[in-house]
């Protein structure tokens, strides 16, 4: 893995702005990172670790990587564990029977909602048990836009997920530090830095409604290339009851190619 300081600003700066704009991390926080083994959470750990070690927030905080063993056969977590240890951390592996519950016991025709609910519950509880005040997920800018359109088209709601939200049942706060970074930038970064990505064995991977919305957003972006930047501007300049705050550092979403 190699660092190119000039190029890395296109990743570090948007993450730092997201953290500061939404007050995601405070001095002394212990931040759990939900590690799925995919490109997004791996990038999240890599960037947040660099920000921590280089003191880019101006204060110190701790990191605790956590992954859930979903119960799928043939999943090799060794590359992910080695990557986490290379950065100086110990990967917390939580065994679950989520795959069995969702696909064998419940036989869900639309399994994503139940799977996500079970994963979140287990992750948040384990983070709390490990003394974490924050749980960071690898949701990026494209995830936020896709969620917005999914809520609009399927539920008639004009909203996406919150950058930061307090979870009353567990007492931890959920944060999304990759919020200002586009998915294509993450893909480019993973390839450049040769970050490990674990194969997703889920039988419905890439076959969901979210994939349809991803294509829909991609089609819009072909005609309106700045749609992602405008999305950030629109949501953060909205009324006070919007899910994104109004008083923020003025900034563009992410650098363009």
Foldseek 3Di string as FASTA:
>chain_A
DDDDPVVCCLQQVLLLQLCVFVVQDDAAFEEEEECALALQSLVVVVNVLVCQVVVVNVHHYHYAYEYEPQPDPPWDCVLVQVSQVVSPYGYHYHYDPNVCVQCPVVNDPARPVVSVVVVVVVVLQVCLVVVGQEYEYRDELLQQVLQQVCCCPPPVDRAGDAQWDADVVRNHIYHYSRHLPDPVVSVVVCVVVVGGGIDDPDPCPCPDVSVVSSVVVVVVCVVVVCVSQVVVVVQQCDDCPGSHHPDGDDDTRGDDD
